[in-house]
Amino acid sequence: MANQLGKRLECKECGSEVLCTKAGEGTVQCCGVDMQLKKPVALPTAD
Protein backbone atom coordinates (compact mmCIF):
# COMPACT_ATOMS: atom_id res chain seq x y z
CA MET A 1 0.00 0.00 0.00
CA ALA A 2 1.41 3.38 -0.96
CA ASN A 3 1.32 6.18 1.59
CA GLN A 4 -0.94 9.03 0.53
CA LEU A 5 -0.17 12.68 1.20
CA GLY A 6 -2.33 14.19 3.96
CA LYS A 7 -3.61 10.88 5.35
CA ARG A 8 -3.42 10.11 9.07
CA LEU A 9 -2.24 6.73 10.30
CA GLU A 10 -2.64 5.28 13.78
CA CYS A 11 -1.04 2.46 15.75
CA LYS A 12 -3.61 0.07 17.21
CA GLU A 13 -1.06 -1.08 19.83
CA CYS A 14 -0.03 2.20 21.48
CA GLY A 15 -2.37 4.82 19.96
CA SER A 16 0.35 6.87 18.23
CA GLU A 17 -0.75 8.92 15.22
CA VAL A 18 1.26 10.23 12.25
CA LEU A 19 0.42 12.52 9.35
CA CYS A 20 1.86 11.63 5.95
CA THR A 21 3.73 14.67 4.60
CA LYS A 22 5.36 12.95 1.61
CA ALA A 23 3.69 10.26 -0.50
CA GLY A 24 5.63 7.10 -1.36
CA GLU A 25 5.75 3.34 -1.55
CA GLY A 26 5.98 1.12 1.50
CA THR A 27 4.30 1.07 4.88
CA VAL A 28 4.69 2.94 8.14
CA GLN A 29 5.27 0.71 11.17
CA CYS A 30 5.00 1.21 14.91
CA CYS A 31 5.35 -1.41 17.66
CA GLY A 32 6.46 -3.91 15.00
CA VAL A 33 3.16 -3.80 13.04
CA ASP A 34 1.88 -1.75 10.09
CA MET A 35 -0.03 1.38 11.08
CA GLN A 36 -3.67 1.58 9.94
CA LEU A 37 -5.36 4.39 8.04
CA LYS A 38 -7.36 6.48 10.51
CA LYS A 39 -11.08 6.85 9.79
CA PRO A 40 -12.24 10.43 9.10
CA VAL A 41 -14.41 12.06 11.75
CA ALA A 42 -17.72 13.46 10.52
CA LEU A 43 -18.13 17.09 11.47
CA PRO A 44 -21.56 18.56 12.28
CA THR A 45 -23.08 20.68 9.56
CA ALA A 46 -23.95 24.33 10.12
CA ASP A 47 -27.58 24.82 9.12
PDB file of N, CA and C in Angstrom:
ATOM      1  N   MET A   1       0.844  -1.180   0.000  1.00  0.00           N
ATOM      2  CA  MET A   1       0.000   0.000   0.000  1.00  0.00           C
ATOM      3  C   MET A   1       0.886   1.239   0.000  1.00  0.00           C
ATOM      4  N   ALA A   2       0.644   2.132  -0.905  1.00  0.00           N
ATOM      5  CA  ALA A   2       1.407   3.377  -0.963  1.00  0.00           C
ATOM      6  C   ALA A   2       0.851   4.366   0.055  1.00  0.00           C
ATOM      7  N   ASN A   3       1.739   5.139   0.642  1.00  0.00           N
ATOM      8  CA  ASN A   3       1.319   6.176   1.591  1.00  0.00           C
ATOM      9  C   ASN A   3       0.804   7.372   0.803  1.00  0.00           C
ATOM     10  N   GLN A   4      -0.318   7.911   1.222  1.00  0.00           N
ATOM     11  CA  GLN A   4      -0.941   9.029   0.527  1.00  0.00           C
ATOM     12  C   GLN A   4      -0.756  10.314   1.313  1.00  0.00           C
ATOM     13  N   LEU A   5      -0.392  11.372   0.607  1.00  0.00           N
ATOM     14  CA  LEU A   5      -0.170  12.678   1.203  1.00  0.00           C
ATOM     15  C   LEU A   5      -1.416  13.166   1.940  1.00  0.00           C
ATOM     16  N   GLY A   6      -1.243  13.623   3.174  1.00  0.00           N
ATOM     17  CA  GLY A   6      -2.330  14.188   3.962  1.00  0.00           C
ATOM     18  C   GLY A   6      -3.148  13.187   4.757  1.00  0.00           C
ATOM     19  N   LYS A   7      -2.859  11.896   4.627  1.00  0.00           N
ATOM     20  CA  LYS A   7      -3.611  10.878   5.355  1.00  0.00           C
ATOM     21  C   LYS A   7      -3.014  10.682   6.738  1.00  0.00           C
ATOM     22  N   ARG A   8      -3.863  10.393   7.709  1.00  0.00           N
ATOM     23  CA  ARG A   8      -3.417  10.114   9.073  1.00  0.00           C
ATOM     24  C   ARG A   8      -3.410   8.611   9.285  1.00  0.00           C
ATOM     25  N   LEU A   9      -2.373   8.140   9.974  1.00  0.00           N
ATOM     26  CA  LEU A   9      -2.235   6.730  10.304  1.00  0.00           C
ATOM     27  C   LEU A   9      -2.173   6.601  11.808  1.00  0.00           C
ATOM     28  N   GLU A  10      -2.694   5.489  12.339  1.00  0.00           N
ATOM     29  CA  GLU A  10      -2.643   5.279  13.778  1.00  0.00           C
ATOM     30  C   GLU A  10      -2.168   3.873  14.096  1.00  0.00           C
ATOM     31  N   CYS A  11      -1.507   3.744  15.247  1.00  0.00           N
ATOM     32  CA  CYS A  11      -1.039   2.457  15.745  1.00  0.00           C
ATOM     33  C   CYS A  11      -2.110   1.900  16.674  1.00  0.00           C
ATOM     34  N   LYS A  12      -2.570   0.696  16.374  1.00  0.00           N
ATOM     35  CA  LYS A  12      -3.608   0.075  17.210  1.00  0.00           C
ATOM     36  C   LYS A  12      -3.031  -0.429  18.534  1.00  0.00           C
ATOM     37  N   GLU A  13      -1.710  -0.589  18.611  1.00  0.00           N
ATOM     38  CA  GLU A  13      -1.065  -1.084  19.826  1.00  0.00           C
ATOM     39  C   GLU A  13      -0.923   0.012  20.885  1.00  0.00           C
ATOM     40  N   CYS A  14      -0.333   1.172  20.490  1.00  0.00           N
ATOM     41  CA  CYS A  14      -0.029   2.204  21.476  1.00  0.00           C
ATOM     42  C   CYS A  14      -0.823   3.502  21.302  1.00  0.00           C
ATOM     43  N   GLY A  15      -1.553   3.629  20.175  1.00  0.00           N
ATOM     44  CA  GLY A  15      -2.366   4.815  19.961  1.00  0.00           C
ATOM     45  C   GLY A  15      -1.641   5.983  19.314  1.00  0.00           C
ATOM     46  N   SER A  16      -0.389   5.800  18.894  1.00  0.00           N
ATOM     47  CA  SER A  16       0.349   6.875  18.231  1.00  0.00           C
ATOM     48  C   SER A  16      -0.295   7.205  16.892  1.00  0.00           C
ATOM     49  N   GLU A  17      -0.219   8.472  16.495  1.00  0.00           N
ATOM     50  CA  GLU A  17      -0.751   8.917  15.217  1.00  0.00           C
ATOM     51  C   GLU A  17       0.339   9.651  14.453  1.00  0.00           C
ATOM     52  N   VAL A  18       0.337   9.497  13.114  1.00  0.00           N
ATOM     53  CA  VAL A  18       1.264  10.227  12.255  1.00  0.00           C
ATOM     54  C   VAL A  18       0.482  10.799  11.077  1.00  0.00           C
ATOM     55  N   LEU A  19       0.994  11.889  10.530  1.00  0.00           N
ATOM     56  CA  LEU A  19       0.420  12.519   9.354  1.00  0.00           C
ATOM     57  C   LEU A  19       1.421  12.367   8.225  1.00  0.00           C
ATOM     58  N   CYS A  20       0.987  11.837   7.091  1.00  0.00           N
ATOM     59  CA  CYS A  20       1.865  11.628   5.946  1.00  0.00           C
ATOM     60  C   CYS A  20       2.114  12.969   5.258  1.00  0.00           C
ATOM     61  N   THR A  21       3.377  13.402   5.217  1.00  0.00           N
ATOM     62  CA  THR A  21       3.725  14.671   4.595  1.00  0.00           C
ATOM     63  C   THR A  21       4.429  14.490   3.259  1.00  0.00           C
ATOM     64  N   LYS A  22       4.742  13.236   2.898  1.00  0.00           N
ATOM     65  CA  LYS A  22       5.363  12.946   1.612  1.00  0.00           C
ATOM     66  C   LYS A  22       4.886  11.574   1.162  1.00  0.00           C
ATOM     67  N   ALA A  23       4.218  11.519   0.016  1.00  0.00           N
ATOM     68  CA  ALA A  23       3.694  10.258  -0.503  1.00  0.00           C
ATOM     69  C   ALA A  23       4.828   9.354  -0.965  1.00  0.00           C
ATOM     70  N   GLY A  24       4.606   8.040  -0.909  1.00  0.00           N
ATOM     71  CA  GLY A  24       5.627   7.104  -1.365  1.00  0.00           C
ATOM     72  C   GLY A  24       5.189   5.670  -1.177  1.00  0.00           C
ATOM     73  N   GLU A  25       6.012   4.770  -1.670  1.00  0.00           N
ATOM     74  CA  GLU A  25       5.754   3.343  -1.554  1.00  0.00           C
ATOM     75  C   GLU A  25       6.152   2.857  -0.164  1.00  0.00           C
ATOM     76  N   GLY A  26       5.616   1.713   0.225  1.00  0.00           N
ATOM     77  CA  GLY A  26       5.985   1.120   1.498  1.00  0.00           C
ATOM     78  C   GLY A  26       4.912   1.318   2.550  1.00  0.00           C
ATOM     79  N   THR A  27       5.242   0.948   3.778  1.00  0.00           N
ATOM     80  CA  THR A  27       4.304   1.068   4.883  1.00  0.00           C
ATOM     81  C   THR A  27       4.990   1.737   6.063  1.00  0.00           C
ATOM     82  N   VAL A  28       4.195   2.341   6.910  1.00  0.00           N
ATOM     83  CA  VAL A  28       4.691   2.945   8.145  1.00  0.00           C
ATOM     84  C   VAL A  28       4.415   1.944   9.254  1.00  0.00           C
ATOM     85  N   GLN A  29       5.433   1.678  10.085  1.00  0.00           N
ATOM     86  CA  GLN A  29       5.271   0.714  11.168  1.00  0.00           C
ATOM     87  C   GLN A  29       5.526   1.350  12.520  1.00  0.00           C
ATOM     88  N   CYS A  30       4.826   0.815  13.521  1.00  0.00           N
ATOM     89  CA  CYS A  30       5.005   1.209  14.905  1.00  0.00           C
ATOM     90  C   CYS A  30       4.755  -0.037  15.744  1.00  0.00           C
ATOM     91  N   CYS A  31       5.499  -0.237  16.791  1.00  0.00           N
ATOM     92  CA  CYS A  31       5.347  -1.407  17.664  1.00  0.00           C
ATOM     93  C   CYS A  31       5.474  -2.718  16.884  1.00  0.00           C
ATOM     94  N   GLY A  32       6.221  -2.703  15.778  1.00  0.00           N
ATOM     95  CA  GLY A  32       6.457  -3.907  14.996  1.00  0.00           C
ATOM     96  C   GLY A  32       5.331  -4.311  14.064  1.00  0.00           C
ATOM     97  N   VAL A  33       4.275  -3.498  13.939  1.00  0.00           N
ATOM     98  CA  VAL A  33       3.158  -3.801  13.038  1.00  0.00           C
ATOM     99  C   VAL A  33       2.858  -2.587  12.158  1.00  0.00           C
ATOM    100  N   ASP A  34       2.247  -2.835  10.986  1.00  0.00           N
ATOM    101  CA  ASP A  34       1.880  -1.747  10.090  1.00  0.00           C
ATOM    102  C   ASP A  34       0.828  -0.865  10.741  1.00  0.00           C
ATOM    103  N   MET A  35       0.972   0.454  10.560  1.00  0.00           N
ATOM    104  CA  MET A  35      -0.029   1.383  11.075  1.00  0.00           C
ATOM    105  C   MET A  35      -1.234   1.375  10.142  1.00  0.00           C
ATOM    106  N   GLN A  36      -2.416   1.616  10.686  1.00  0.00           N
ATOM    107  CA  GLN A  36      -3.667   1.575   9.937  1.00  0.00           C
ATOM    108  C   GLN A  36      -4.134   2.992   9.604  1.00  0.00           C
ATOM    109  N   LEU A  37      -4.789   3.117   8.458  1.00  0.00           N
ATOM    110  CA  LEU A  37      -5.362   4.390   8.045  1.00  0.00           C
ATOM    111  C   LEU A  37      -6.452   4.781   9.034  1.00  0.00           C
ATOM    112  N   LYS A  38      -6.387   6.017   9.526  1.00  0.00           N
ATOM    113  CA  LYS A  38      -7.362   6.477  10.509  1.00  0.00           C
ATOM    114  C   LYS A  38      -8.642   6.894   9.793  1.00  0.00           C
ATOM    115  N   LYS A  39      -9.773   6.516  10.366  1.00  0.00           N
ATOM    116  CA  LYS A  39     -11.076   6.852   9.788  1.00  0.00           C
ATOM    117  C   LYS A  39     -11.353   8.342   9.971  1.00  0.00           C
ATOM    118  N   PRO A  40     -11.906   9.007   8.957  1.00  0.00           N
ATOM    119  CA  PRO A  40     -12.239  10.426   9.105  1.00  0.00           C
ATOM    120  C   PRO A  40     -13.391  10.626  10.086  1.00  0.00           C
ATOM    121  N   VAL A  41     -13.374  11.737  10.785  1.00  0.00           N
ATOM    122  CA  VAL A  41     -14.411  12.065  11.749  1.00  0.00           C
ATOM    123  C   VAL A  41     -15.419  12.983  11.054  1.00  0.00           C
ATOM    124  N   ALA A  42     -16.678  12.622  11.121  1.00  0.00           N
ATOM    125  CA  ALA A  42     -17.724  13.457  10.515  1.00  0.00           C
ATOM    126  C   ALA A  42     -17.947  14.691  11.376  1.00  0.00           C
ATOM    127  N   LEU A  43     -17.897  15.843  10.752  1.00  0.00           N
ATOM    128  CA  LEU A  43     -18.131  17.093  11.471  1.00  0.00           C
ATOM    129  C   LEU A  43     -19.602  17.488  11.343  1.00  0.00           C
ATOM    130  N   PRO A  44     -20.164  18.130  12.368  1.00  0.00           N
ATOM    131  CA  PRO A  44     -21.558  18.557  12.284  1.00  0.00           C
ATOM    132  C   PRO A  44     -21.720  19.654  11.237  1.00  0.00           C
ATOM    133  N   THR A  45     -22.838  19.664  10.567  1.00  0.00           N
ATOM    134  CA  THR A  45     -23.083  20.684   9.556  1.00  0.00           C
ATOM    135  C   THR A  45     -23.675  21.926  10.213  1.00  0.00           C
ATOM    136  N   ALA A  46     -23.380  23.068   9.630  1.00  0.00           N
ATOM    137  CA  ALA A  46     -23.950  24.331  10.117  1.00  0.00           C
ATOM    138  C   ALA A  46     -25.171  24.647   9.265  1.00  0.00           C
ATOM    139  N   ASP A  47     -26.335  24.572   9.872  1.00  0.00           N
ATOM    140  CA  ASP A  47     -27.576  24.824   9.121  1.00  0.00           C
ATOM    141  C   ASP A  47     -27.996  26.251   9.220  1.00  0.00           C
TER     142      ASP A  47
END
